[in-house]
Amino acid sequence: MTQQVAAAVQTQAQVGAESRLGLTLMLITFRVSVILTLLLVAMIGVFSVACLIGGTIAAGGPFGLAKGWFSAVSGL
C-alpha cells in the first residue's frame, strides 16, 4: 500500500513539474511576442516620422507641405 501511495505522489510531482515548465515556456513566449510587437510598432513609428520629414523637405518646408495637402484634399 505504501508503494502505491509513493508512486501516486511521485506521479503528481512529475505532472506538477511538467505543468510549471509549460507555464514558464508560455510566459517566455508571451513576453517575446510583446517585445516583438512593440519593436514593430516602434519601427513603423520611426518610418512614418521619416516619411513626414522627407515630405516636408520635398515640399519646401512645413507651409509648403500644408499647402500641398490642402490643395490635394480640396482639389484646388
C-alpha atoms as a PDB file:
ATOM      1  CA  MET A   1       0.000   0.000   0.000  1.00  0.00           C
ATOM      2  CA  THR A   2       2.793   2.431   0.826  1.00  0.00           C
ATOM      3  CA  GLN A   3       4.424   1.712  -2.535  1.00  0.00           C
ATOM      4  CA  GLN A   4       1.191   2.660  -4.304  1.00  0.00           C
ATOM      5  CA  VAL A   5       0.980   5.895  -2.325  1.00  0.00           C
ATOM      6  CA  ALA A   6       4.624   6.684  -3.069  1.00  0.00           C
ATOM      7  CA  ALA A   7       4.071   6.025  -6.782  1.00  0.00           C
ATOM      8  CA  ALA A   8       0.982   8.269  -6.811  1.00  0.00           C
ATOM      9  CA  VAL A   9       2.867  11.067  -5.058  1.00  0.00           C
ATOM     10  CA  GLN A  10       5.766  10.743  -7.492  1.00  0.00           C
ATOM     11  CA  THR A  11       3.364  10.860 -10.468  1.00  0.00           C
ATOM     12  CA  GLN A  12       1.710  14.007  -9.079  1.00  0.00           C
ATOM     13  CA  ALA A  13       5.144  15.619  -8.646  1.00  0.00           C
ATOM     14  CA  GLN A  14       6.030  14.857 -12.266  1.00  0.00           C
ATOM     15  CA  VAL A  15       2.744  16.313 -13.537  1.00  0.00           C
ATOM     16  CA  GLY A  16       3.303  19.441 -11.422  1.00  0.00           C
ATOM     17  CA  ALA A  17       6.826  19.870 -12.794  1.00  0.00           C
ATOM     18  CA  GLU A  18       5.589  19.500 -16.376  1.00  0.00           C
ATOM     19  CA  SER A  19       2.811  21.991 -15.689  1.00  0.00           C
ATOM     20  CA  ARG A  20       5.269  24.528 -14.261  1.00  0.00           C
ATOM     21  CA  LEU A  21       7.562  24.033 -17.259  1.00  0.00           C
ATOM     22  CA  GLY A  22       4.667  24.620 -19.652  1.00  0.00           C
ATOM     23  CA  LEU A  23       3.643  27.737 -17.742  1.00  0.00           C
ATOM     24  CA  THR A  24       7.206  29.049 -17.819  1.00  0.00           C
ATOM     25  CA  LEU A  25       7.502  28.428 -21.565  1.00  0.00           C
ATOM     26  CA  MET A  26       4.152  30.105 -22.173  1.00  0.00           C
ATOM     27  CA  LEU A  27       5.236  33.124 -20.120  1.00  0.00           C
ATOM     28  CA  ILE A  28       8.505  33.402 -22.062  1.00  0.00           C
ATOM     29  CA  THR A  29       6.619  33.141 -25.364  1.00  0.00           C
ATOM     30  CA  PHE A  30       4.190  35.853 -24.274  1.00  0.00           C
ATOM     31  CA  ARG A  31       6.996  38.211 -23.262  1.00  0.00           C
ATOM     32  CA  VAL A  32       8.877  37.649 -26.513  1.00  0.00           C
ATOM     33  CA  SER A  33       5.723  38.296 -28.557  1.00  0.00           C
ATOM     34  CA  VAL A  34       5.019  41.523 -26.643  1.00  0.00           C
ATOM     35  CA  ILE A  35       8.598  42.718 -27.172  1.00  0.00           C
ATOM     36  CA  LEU A  36       8.476  41.902 -30.894  1.00  0.00           C
ATOM     37  CA  THR A  37       5.125  43.670 -31.251  1.00  0.00           C
ATOM     38  CA  LEU A  38       6.439  46.787 -29.522  1.00  0.00           C
ATOM     39  CA  LEU A  39       9.557  46.686 -31.685  1.00  0.00           C
ATOM     40  CA  LEU A  40       7.437  46.531 -34.842  1.00  0.00           C
ATOM     41  CA  VAL A  41       5.264  49.420 -33.640  1.00  0.00           C
ATOM     42  CA  ALA A  42       8.390  51.488 -32.944  1.00  0.00           C
ATOM     43  CA  MET A  43       9.781  50.717 -36.401  1.00  0.00           C
ATOM     44  CA  ILE A  44       6.510  51.776 -38.044  1.00  0.00           C
ATOM     45  CA  GLY A  45       6.556  54.993 -36.000  1.00  0.00           C
ATOM     46  CA  VAL A  46      10.123  55.794 -36.992  1.00  0.00           C
ATOM     47  CA  PHE A  47       9.300  55.126 -40.655  1.00  0.00           C
ATOM     48  CA  SER A  48       6.252  57.394 -40.540  1.00  0.00           C
ATOM     49  CA  VAL A  49       8.234  60.235 -38.952  1.00  0.00           C
ATOM     50  CA  ALA A  50      10.952  59.790 -41.583  1.00  0.00           C
ATOM     51  CA  CYS A  51       8.338  59.958 -44.352  1.00  0.00           C
ATOM     52  CA  LEU A  52       6.821  63.091 -42.843  1.00  0.00           C
ATOM     53  CA  ILE A  53      10.223  64.746 -42.619  1.00  0.00           C
ATOM     54  CA  GLY A  54      11.050  63.727 -46.199  1.00  0.00           C
ATOM     55  CA  GLY A  55       7.727  65.087 -47.439  1.00  0.00           C
ATOM     56  CA  THR A  56       8.301  68.343 -45.598  1.00  0.00           C
ATOM     57  CA  ILE A  57      11.725  68.738 -47.158  1.00  0.00           C
ATOM     58  CA  ALA A  58      10.438  67.851 -50.644  1.00  0.00           C
ATOM     59  CA  ALA A  59       7.544  70.331 -50.331  1.00  0.00           C
ATOM     60  CA  GLY A  60       9.854  73.177 -49.419  1.00  0.00           C
ATOM     61  CA  GLY A  61       9.030  73.398 -45.729  1.00  0.00           C
ATOM     62  CA  PRO A  62       6.094  72.814 -43.407  1.00  0.00           C
ATOM     63  CA  PHE A  63       3.955  75.548 -45.003  1.00  0.00           C
ATOM     64  CA  GLY A  64       4.539  74.100 -48.450  1.00  0.00           C
ATOM     65  CA  LEU A  65       3.544  70.679 -47.137  1.00  0.00           C
ATOM     66  CA  ALA A  66       0.347  72.071 -45.615  1.00  0.00           C
ATOM     67  CA  LYS A  67      -0.462  73.995 -48.813  1.00  0.00           C
ATOM     68  CA  GLY A  68       0.118  70.891 -50.942  1.00  0.00           C
ATOM     69  CA  TRP A  69      -2.001  68.760 -48.615  1.00  0.00           C
ATOM     70  CA  PHE A  70      -4.905  71.193 -48.632  1.00  0.00           C
ATOM     71  CA  SER A  71      -4.771  71.567 -52.398  1.00  0.00           C
ATOM     72  CA  ALA A  72      -4.698  67.778 -52.821  1.00  0.00           C
ATOM     73  CA  VAL A  73      -7.660  67.289 -50.469  1.00  0.00           C
ATOM     74  CA  SER A  74      -9.773  70.148 -51.801  1.00  0.00           C
ATOM     75  CA  GLY A  75      -8.825  69.676 -55.448  1.00  0.00           C
ATOM     76  CA  LEU A  76      -7.903  73.301 -55.950  1.00  0.00           C
END
